[in-house]
Every structure is written in structure tokens, then in C-alpha cells.
Protein backbone atom coordinates (compact mmCIF):
# COMPACT_ATOMS: atom_id res chain seq x y z
CA UNK A 1 -56.98 62.14 -26.44
CA UNK A 2 -57.14 65.47 -24.46
CA UNK A 3 -56.76 65.49 -20.45
CA UNK A 4 -60.32 65.97 -19.71
CA UNK A 5 -61.22 62.83 -21.63
CA UNK A 6 -58.62 60.95 -19.65
CA UNK A 7 -59.67 62.39 -16.34
CA UNK A 8 -63.25 61.72 -17.13
CA UNK A 9 -62.46 57.74 -17.97
CA UNK A 10 -60.69 57.42 -14.55
CA UNK A 11 -63.52 59.09 -12.37
CA UNK A 12 -66.10 57.18 -14.04
CA UNK A 13 -64.04 54.03 -12.70
CA UNK A 14 -64.05 55.44 -9.39
CA UNK A 15 -67.66 56.47 -9.20
CA UNK A 16 -68.59 52.89 -10.16
CA UNK A 17 -66.57 51.40 -7.52
CA UNK A 18 -67.95 53.83 -5.17
CA UNK A 19 -71.58 53.36 -5.65
CA UNK A 20 -70.87 49.46 -5.41
CA UNK A 21 -69.29 49.94 -1.97
CA UNK A 22 -72.20 52.25 -1.09
CA UNK A 23 -74.51 49.43 -1.92
CA UNK A 24 -72.49 46.99 0.22
CA UNK A 25 -72.70 49.23 2.99
CA UNK A 26 -76.34 49.51 3.14
CA UNK A 27 -76.77 45.75 2.62
CA UNK A 28 -74.90 44.87 5.71
CA UNK A 29 -77.37 43.19 8.14
CA UNK A 30 -77.56 40.99 11.28
CA UNK A 31 -75.52 38.16 9.10
CA UNK A 32 -72.43 40.44 9.53
CA UNK A 33 -72.94 40.54 13.37
CA UNK A 34 -73.23 36.56 13.33
CA UNK A 35 -70.21 36.39 11.56
CA UNK A 36 -68.39 38.54 14.03
CA UNK A 37 -69.68 36.47 16.90
CA UNK A 38 -68.62 33.34 15.18
CA UNK A 39 -65.16 34.72 14.72
CA UNK A 40 -65.16 35.96 18.34
CA UNK A 41 -65.68 32.45 19.63
CA UNK A 42 -63.29 30.81 17.41
CA UNK A 43 -60.51 28.81 19.22
CA UNK A 44 -58.43 28.05 16.25
CA UNK A 45 -57.32 30.12 13.43
CA UNK A 46 -59.12 31.98 10.47
CA UNK A 47 -58.44 30.47 7.30
CA UNK A 48 -59.16 32.81 4.20
CA UNK A 49 -59.53 31.09 0.85
CA UNK A 50 -60.18 32.46 -2.63
CA UNK A 51 -59.35 31.88 -6.29
CA UNK A 52 -57.88 34.30 -8.72
CA UNK A 53 -58.21 37.80 -8.02
CA UNK A 54 -60.54 36.92 -5.07
CA UNK A 55 -57.41 35.03 -3.86
CA UNK A 56 -55.36 38.08 -3.81
CA UNK A 57 -57.89 39.67 -1.83
CA UNK A 58 -58.22 36.72 0.29
CA UNK A 59 -54.27 36.85 1.25
CA UNK A 60 -54.55 40.62 2.18
CA UNK A 61 -57.43 39.76 4.64
CA UNK A 62 -55.59 37.08 6.22
CA UNK A 63 -52.49 39.23 6.48
CA UNK A 64 -54.66 41.97 8.16
CA UNK A 65 -56.43 39.64 10.52
CA UNK A 66 -52.94 38.03 11.53
CA UNK A 67 -51.40 41.51 12.02
CA UNK A 68 -54.13 42.60 14.44
CA UNK A 69 -54.13 39.90 16.84
CA UNK A 70 -56.51 37.16 15.14
CA UNK A 71 -54.42 34.09 14.05
CA UNK A 72 -54.94 33.74 10.35
CA UNK A 73 -53.64 32.19 7.14
CA UNK A 74 -54.31 31.96 3.42
CA UNK A 75 -55.52 28.44 1.88
CA UNK A 76 -55.16 28.22 -1.99
CA UNK A 77 -58.48 26.01 -2.79
CA UNK A 78 -56.48 24.37 -5.83
CA UNK A 79 -53.91 23.13 -3.36
CA UNK A 80 -56.54 22.52 -0.50
CA UNK A 81 -57.92 19.51 -2.81
CA UNK A 82 -54.54 18.18 -3.09
CA UNK A 83 -53.79 18.00 0.47
CA UNK A 84 -53.64 21.30 2.12
CA UNK A 85 -57.00 21.04 3.48
CA UNK A 86 -55.20 19.32 6.23
CA UNK A 87 -54.22 22.57 7.71
CA UNK A 88 -58.01 23.34 8.50
CA UNK A 89 -58.99 21.89 11.98
CA UNK A 90 -62.51 21.62 13.44
CA UNK A 91 -61.84 24.74 15.78
CA UNK A 92 -61.27 26.89 12.69
CA UNK A 93 -63.37 29.56 10.97
CA UNK A 94 -62.86 29.49 7.04
CA UNK A 95 -63.72 32.83 5.29
CA UNK A 96 -64.76 32.01 1.48
CA UNK A 97 -64.38 34.88 -1.01
CA UNK A 98 -66.05 34.49 -4.02
CA UNK A 99 -68.05 37.00 -5.92
CA UNK A 100 -70.12 34.81 -7.70
CA UNK A 101 -70.50 31.90 -5.23
CA UNK A 102 -70.15 29.54 -8.00
CA UNK A 103 -66.27 29.27 -8.14
CA UNK A 104 -65.67 25.48 -8.80
CA UNK A 105 -62.53 25.14 -6.65
CA UNK A 106 -64.41 26.81 -3.67
CA UNK A 107 -67.45 24.56 -4.18
CA UNK A 108 -65.42 21.67 -4.27
CA UNK A 109 -63.68 22.16 -0.77
CA UNK A 110 -66.69 23.63 1.17
CA UNK A 111 -68.39 20.17 1.98
CA UNK A 112 -64.90 18.92 3.04
CA UNK A 113 -64.43 21.82 5.34
CA UNK A 114 -67.80 21.31 6.97
CA UNK A 115 -67.06 17.42 7.54
CA UNK A 116 -64.01 18.39 9.48
CA UNK A 117 -66.06 20.59 11.63
CA UNK A 118 -64.96 24.17 10.87
CA UNK A 119 -67.40 26.69 10.42
CA UNK A 120 -67.58 28.59 6.94
CA UNK A 121 -68.23 32.40 6.56
CA UNK A 122 -68.95 33.49 2.92
CA UNK A 123 -68.34 36.62 1.26
CA UNK A 124 -70.50 36.68 -1.81
CA UNK A 125 -73.21 38.11 -4.04
CA UNK A 126 -76.19 35.91 -2.89
CA UNK A 127 -77.39 33.62 -0.04
CA UNK A 128 -78.80 31.28 -2.72
CA UNK A 129 -75.49 30.66 -4.57
CA UNK A 130 -73.98 27.42 -4.06
CA UNK A 131 -71.21 28.92 -1.89
CA UNK A 132 -73.99 30.37 0.28
CA UNK A 133 -75.99 27.30 0.71
CA UNK A 134 -72.52 25.41 1.83
CA UNK A 135 -71.96 28.18 4.40
CA UNK A 136 -72.89 28.59 8.12
CA UNK A 137 -72.94 32.35 7.62
CA UNK A 138 -73.26 34.55 4.48
CA UNK A 139 -72.20 38.11 4.23
CA UNK A 140 -73.94 38.89 0.99
CA UNK A 141 -72.89 41.91 -1.17
CA UNK A 142 -75.70 41.84 -3.59
CA UNK A 143 -75.24 41.94 -7.31
CA UNK A 144 -72.01 44.08 -7.99
CA UNK A 145 -71.25 45.83 -11.21
CA UNK A 146 -67.70 45.68 -12.31
CA UNK A 147 -66.18 48.92 -13.23
CA UNK A 148 -64.55 48.07 -16.61
CA UNK A 149 -66.25 49.07 -19.82
CA UNK A 150 -67.40 45.45 -20.33
CA UNK A 151 -68.64 44.83 -16.78
CA UNK A 152 -66.48 41.64 -16.53
CA UNK A 153 -63.07 42.35 -14.95
CA UNK A 154 -62.81 41.97 -11.53
CA UNK A 155 -62.76 45.30 -10.12
CA UNK A 156 -65.64 46.59 -8.10
CA UNK A 157 -66.09 43.10 -6.53
CA UNK A 158 -62.53 42.85 -5.45
CA UNK A 159 -62.74 46.47 -3.87
CA UNK A 160 -65.83 45.43 -2.20
CA UNK A 161 -64.24 42.22 -0.98
CA UNK A 162 -61.33 44.15 0.38
CA UNK A 163 -63.32 46.68 1.99
CA UNK A 164 -65.32 43.99 3.73
CA UNK A 165 -62.42 42.15 4.74
CA UNK A 166 -61.31 45.22 6.64
CA UNK A 167 -64.51 45.69 8.17
CA UNK A 168 -64.29 42.15 9.60
CA UNK A 169 -60.80 42.82 10.81
CA UNK A 170 -61.13 46.19 12.47
CA UNK A 171 -64.48 45.17 14.22
CA UNK A 172 -62.84 42.31 15.56
CA UNK A 173 -60.03 44.47 16.52
CA UNK A 174 -62.26 46.65 18.57
CA UNK A 175 -64.41 44.11 19.91
CA UNK A 176 -61.15 42.28 21.38
CA UNK A 177 -60.03 45.48 22.88
CA UNK A 178 -56.81 45.39 20.55
CA UNK A 179 -54.36 48.62 21.29
CA UNK A 180 -51.66 50.47 19.33
CA UNK A 181 -49.29 48.47 21.76
CA UNK A 182 -50.56 45.19 20.71
CA UNK A 183 -49.92 46.26 16.87
CA UNK A 184 -46.61 47.04 17.85
CA UNK A 185 -45.98 43.74 19.33
CA UNK A 186 -46.90 42.09 16.07
CA UNK A 187 -44.93 44.62 13.96
CA UNK A 188 -41.67 44.99 15.88
CA UNK A 189 -39.52 45.89 12.48
CA UNK A 190 -42.16 48.63 11.46
CA UNK A 191 -42.04 52.08 12.12
CA UNK A 192 -44.75 52.09 14.62
CA UNK A 193 -43.57 48.90 16.37
CA UNK A 194 -40.23 50.44 16.85
CA UNK A 195 -41.65 53.71 18.03
CA UNK A 196 -43.92 51.90 20.56
CA UNK A 197 -41.42 49.34 21.78
CA UNK A 198 -38.21 51.00 22.08
CA UNK A 199 -37.56 51.63 25.67
CA UNK A 200 -35.35 54.25 27.67
CA UNK A 201 -32.64 51.41 28.52
CA UNK A 202 -32.22 50.86 24.74
CA UNK A 203 -30.90 54.28 24.19
CA UNK A 204 -29.66 55.52 27.47
CA UNK A 205 -25.76 56.38 27.92
CA UNK A 206 -23.91 54.50 30.76
CA UNK A 207 -20.58 54.43 32.05
CA UNK A 208 -17.88 56.89 31.14
CA UNK A 209 -20.22 58.44 28.88
CA UNK A 210 -22.27 59.95 31.91
CA UNK A 211 -21.13 63.36 32.74
CA UNK A 212 -20.45 63.21 36.66
CA UNK A 213 -18.91 65.23 39.28
CA UNK A 214 -18.53 64.56 43.20
CA UNK A 215 -20.61 66.70 45.34
CA UNK A 216 -17.46 68.39 46.82
CA UNK A 217 -16.04 69.73 43.75
CA UNK A 218 -15.65 73.17 42.49
CA UNK A 219 -18.35 74.76 40.09
CA UNK A 220 -15.10 75.12 37.66
CA UNK A 221 -14.69 71.29 37.87
CA UNK A 222 -18.26 71.06 37.07
CA UNK A 223 -17.88 73.22 34.11
CA UNK A 224 -15.10 71.45 32.77
CA UNK A 225 -16.85 67.97 32.97
CA UNK A 226 -19.89 69.74 31.01
CA UNK A 227 -17.50 70.92 28.21
CA UNK A 228 -15.82 67.43 28.11
CA UNK A 229 -19.00 65.31 28.01
CA UNK A 230 -20.56 67.93 25.68
CA UNK A 231 -24.24 67.14 27.04
CA UNK A 232 -25.14 70.45 28.50
CA UNK A 233 -25.05 69.22 32.08
CA UNK A 234 -23.48 67.15 34.73
CA UNK A 235 -24.65 64.86 37.34
CA UNK A 236 -23.42 65.50 40.96
CA UNK A 237 -22.74 62.34 42.99
CA UNK A 238 -22.58 62.04 46.65
CA UNK A 239 -20.14 60.25 48.89
CA UNK A 240 -22.49 57.10 48.96
CA UNK A 241 -22.61 57.04 45.15
CA UNK A 242 -26.28 58.40 45.10
CA UNK A 243 -27.43 61.28 43.02
CA UNK A 244 -27.28 64.52 45.00
CA UNK A 245 -28.49 66.80 41.90
CA UNK A 246 -27.66 68.18 38.44
CA UNK A 247 -25.80 71.27 37.05
CA UNK A 248 -27.03 72.46 33.49
CA UNK A 249 -26.05 75.14 31.11
CA UNK A 250 -29.19 76.96 32.21
CA UNK A 251 -28.48 76.73 35.70
CA UNK A 252 -24.99 78.31 35.03
CA UNK A 253 -26.53 81.15 32.95
CA UNK A 254 -29.01 81.79 35.44
CA UNK A 255 -26.27 81.74 38.48
CA UNK A 256 -24.29 84.28 36.54
CA UNK A 257 -26.87 86.66 35.68
CA UNK A 258 -27.86 86.57 39.46
CA UNK A 259 -24.34 88.04 40.23
CA UNK A 260 -22.58 84.65 40.88
CA UNK A 261 -19.08 83.93 39.95
CA UNK A 262 -17.83 80.51 38.71
CA UNK A 263 -14.33 80.95 39.93
CA UNK A 264 -14.02 80.21 43.93
CA UNK A 265 -17.69 78.89 43.94
CA UNK A 266 -18.77 75.37 45.10
CA UNK A 267 -20.91 73.24 42.93
CA UNK A 268 -23.75 73.30 45.48
CA UNK A 269 -24.19 76.93 44.63
CA UNK A 270 -25.36 76.12 41.14
CA UNK A 271 -27.22 72.64 41.93
CA UNK A 272 -30.71 71.49 40.89
CA UNK A 273 -31.30 69.01 43.72
CA UNK A 274 -34.13 67.14 42.47
CA UNK A 275 -33.71 66.43 38.66
CA UNK A 276 -36.33 64.47 36.73
CA UNK A 277 -35.66 60.71 36.51
CA UNK A 278 -37.06 57.91 34.45
CA UNK A 279 -37.08 54.34 34.70
CA UNK A 280 -34.97 52.44 31.97
CA UNK A 281 -38.31 50.25 31.45
CA UNK A 282 -40.22 53.34 30.30
CA UNK A 283 -40.94 53.73 26.65
CA UNK A 284 -38.72 56.25 24.70
CA UNK A 285 -41.82 58.19 23.53
CA UNK A 286 -42.84 58.64 27.16
CA UNK A 287 -39.24 60.00 27.75
CA UNK A 288 -39.53 62.42 24.86
CA UNK A 289 -42.89 63.53 26.13
CA UNK A 290 -41.39 64.09 29.62
CA UNK A 291 -38.66 66.46 28.12
CA UNK A 292 -41.13 68.42 26.12
CA UNK A 293 -43.56 69.06 29.00
CA UNK A 294 -40.86 70.14 31.29
CA UNK A 295 -38.58 71.86 28.63
CA UNK A 296 -35.55 70.17 29.39
CA UNK A 297 -33.13 67.89 27.29
CA UNK A 298 -32.02 65.07 29.48
CA UNK A 299 -33.33 62.61 31.96
CA UNK A 300 -31.54 60.43 34.54
CA UNK A 301 -32.05 56.69 35.03
CA UNK A 302 -31.59 55.62 38.60
CA UNK A 303 -30.83 51.84 39.77
CA UNK A 304 -32.54 50.30 42.56
CA UNK A 305 -30.37 52.05 45.07
CA UNK A 306 -31.07 55.37 43.58
CA UNK A 307 -27.60 55.61 42.21
CA UNK A 308 -27.25 56.88 38.60
CA UNK A 309 -27.30 54.00 36.11
CA UNK A 310 -27.51 55.98 32.72
CA UNK A 311 -28.89 59.28 31.21
CA UNK A 312 -30.78 59.87 28.09
CA UNK A 313 -30.70 62.99 26.04
CA UNK A 314 -32.92 64.38 23.53
CA UNK A 315 -30.27 64.05 21.13
CA UNK A 316 -29.94 60.35 21.70
CA UNK A 317 -33.73 60.13 20.85
CA UNK A 318 -33.23 62.45 17.77
CA UNK A 319 -30.78 60.06 16.42
CA UNK A 320 -33.14 57.47 16.34
CA UNK A 321 -35.29 58.15 13.57
CA UNK A 322 -34.93 54.81 12.22
CA UNK A 323 -36.87 53.67 15.14
CA UNK A 324 -39.81 55.91 14.19
CA UNK A 325 -39.56 58.49 16.82
CA UNK A 326 -40.22 61.95 15.61
CA UNK A 327 -40.91 65.14 17.96
């Protein structure tokens, strides 16, 4: 079999699934909006159920809902009839995923769910199906043609259910005002979570790692401290412990270019008196943006008495690739 034949077969599958998705998109009506209102008013959790391949899709829908601020779990219908139905409460909304609407295991549990008092939303082909008749709201997809050569293997139907699940989750997300920081809260170990939740205080250098000299020192002493700490700058500290300013490599180059000499000069001759500072509670990505905006490589963190508490260098953040920080 040549490459052209192989690619033609693959494209045929994709086209079939795409056509079904387009039909589902066109079929969306007020029932979808009614389902969204039901889910918005839900004071309990969302319970997603489905059998076989639809169950696999149901697990993914539940996971997406949970990760975007809607408490959700998956209930296997086979386990439900053997006691797990106890996880459903009257304040819940159950989403039943069943392409045909005639899945025995689903049909068996829907009356019990209604008796509990939970509301039911079905993702199924027809409102007149058994599942449709047992539901409060039906998101009807219309007849779906599977993409395999026999029209039997769950493919287009599971793709459509998956996409509808995303549509439900992301519509809810928008209606609830869910933001990137909220997503990070639910994903503290993910790249986005680490990038959005990491704060300046998590990466700042403190104590002896901070380059510092007293305000009455010589410029030579300041240069020596810059070289010792190898960060390209030193803080200049007043007699009361407050920050008087900063001396950077760039300050030194400009001082010398203007005819100044290091030997015999005091540190005040090369001092930037109002360096940029940042709170330790600010996000690390905000520190990066501030450095980029002002074309600098370090920021000072002050305590409540305006004394240096720490410093954060661009290198500290570049070394945090594992936190998802990229510049």
C-alpha cells in the first residue's frame, strides 16, 4: 500500500469526524443554555457518568470541570448500582454521557438519581431516547455517523461528546469569571501553576548573599564587593540600616567614561539613589516584566522599615525553568 492510499484513509476518518462535529455545532440550541443555567445554580458537585468509551470521555469531562473551578467527579454506572450511587446528593447535577441513550447501565441508575433529587443532563443523540426521557435537560447531538469503515466503533460519537464536554466546562469557566490565577491555584505542580504562583520571596537571595557596603565607604570597596558577590551591583546601606542606593557595573562604566576615577573616590560619586524595588509578595513573572521594562537585571526587596531584606537577580529567575518561567 502506497503513502497516498494510507494518507487518504487517515484523512477520510478526520473528515468524517469533522462533519459530525459541524452538525453538533449547528444543533446546539436553548437546551445547552438551560444546561448551563442548571450547572451555574448547582450548589453541590457535578457527577459525570458513562459506560465503556463514553465512560472514558466522562472521566475526562469530570477532570476538566474540576480543574476549572467546578467540583466534579466520575461515577461508573456499574458501580453505582452496587452502592456508589450514595455519592450523589440532592444538590448535585449528573451529566450522563450515552450516545444511543439506551445504555442499560445508565438507564438503570437515572430513576434512582431523580429520586435522590439530583438533576440530570444527558449528552445523547435524541431527546426521545430512554435517557432523554429520564433527564431534566437533554443536549441532543442528533444522529452521529461513526468514522470507522463499518460505522460501528465509537469514534465520531466520543469525539463529539469530548468536545461538548469542553464546551460545557469552558462556557462555565467564562460565566463564573474563572481566571488564569484560579487555574494556577488548582494546578500548583503544573508549569502554569508554578509560573503564576511563584513569588519573589520564593527566589530572593538574603543574608550574606546580598552585596552591600556602608554609605561612607570608598568606591574601591564597592567595586571589591561587586566582584566578591559577582552579581554586577552592590547595595549601599545608610547608618540606620536603610537603603541609600545602589552601585552597578553600568554606573561604574558611565562614571569612568565621564572622566571619573575609582581610586580616591567615595561611593556617593557613583550612586543611583532610587533603585527599583519590589515586594516579596509580588509574582516572579511581575519581577521579570519590571526588569525587562527598565532594562535592568536586579531588584531590591525592602522590609516594613525600608531596609533591604533581599535581592532578586535575573539569574535567579532564569535558573527557575522548572517553575515554568521563560523570558
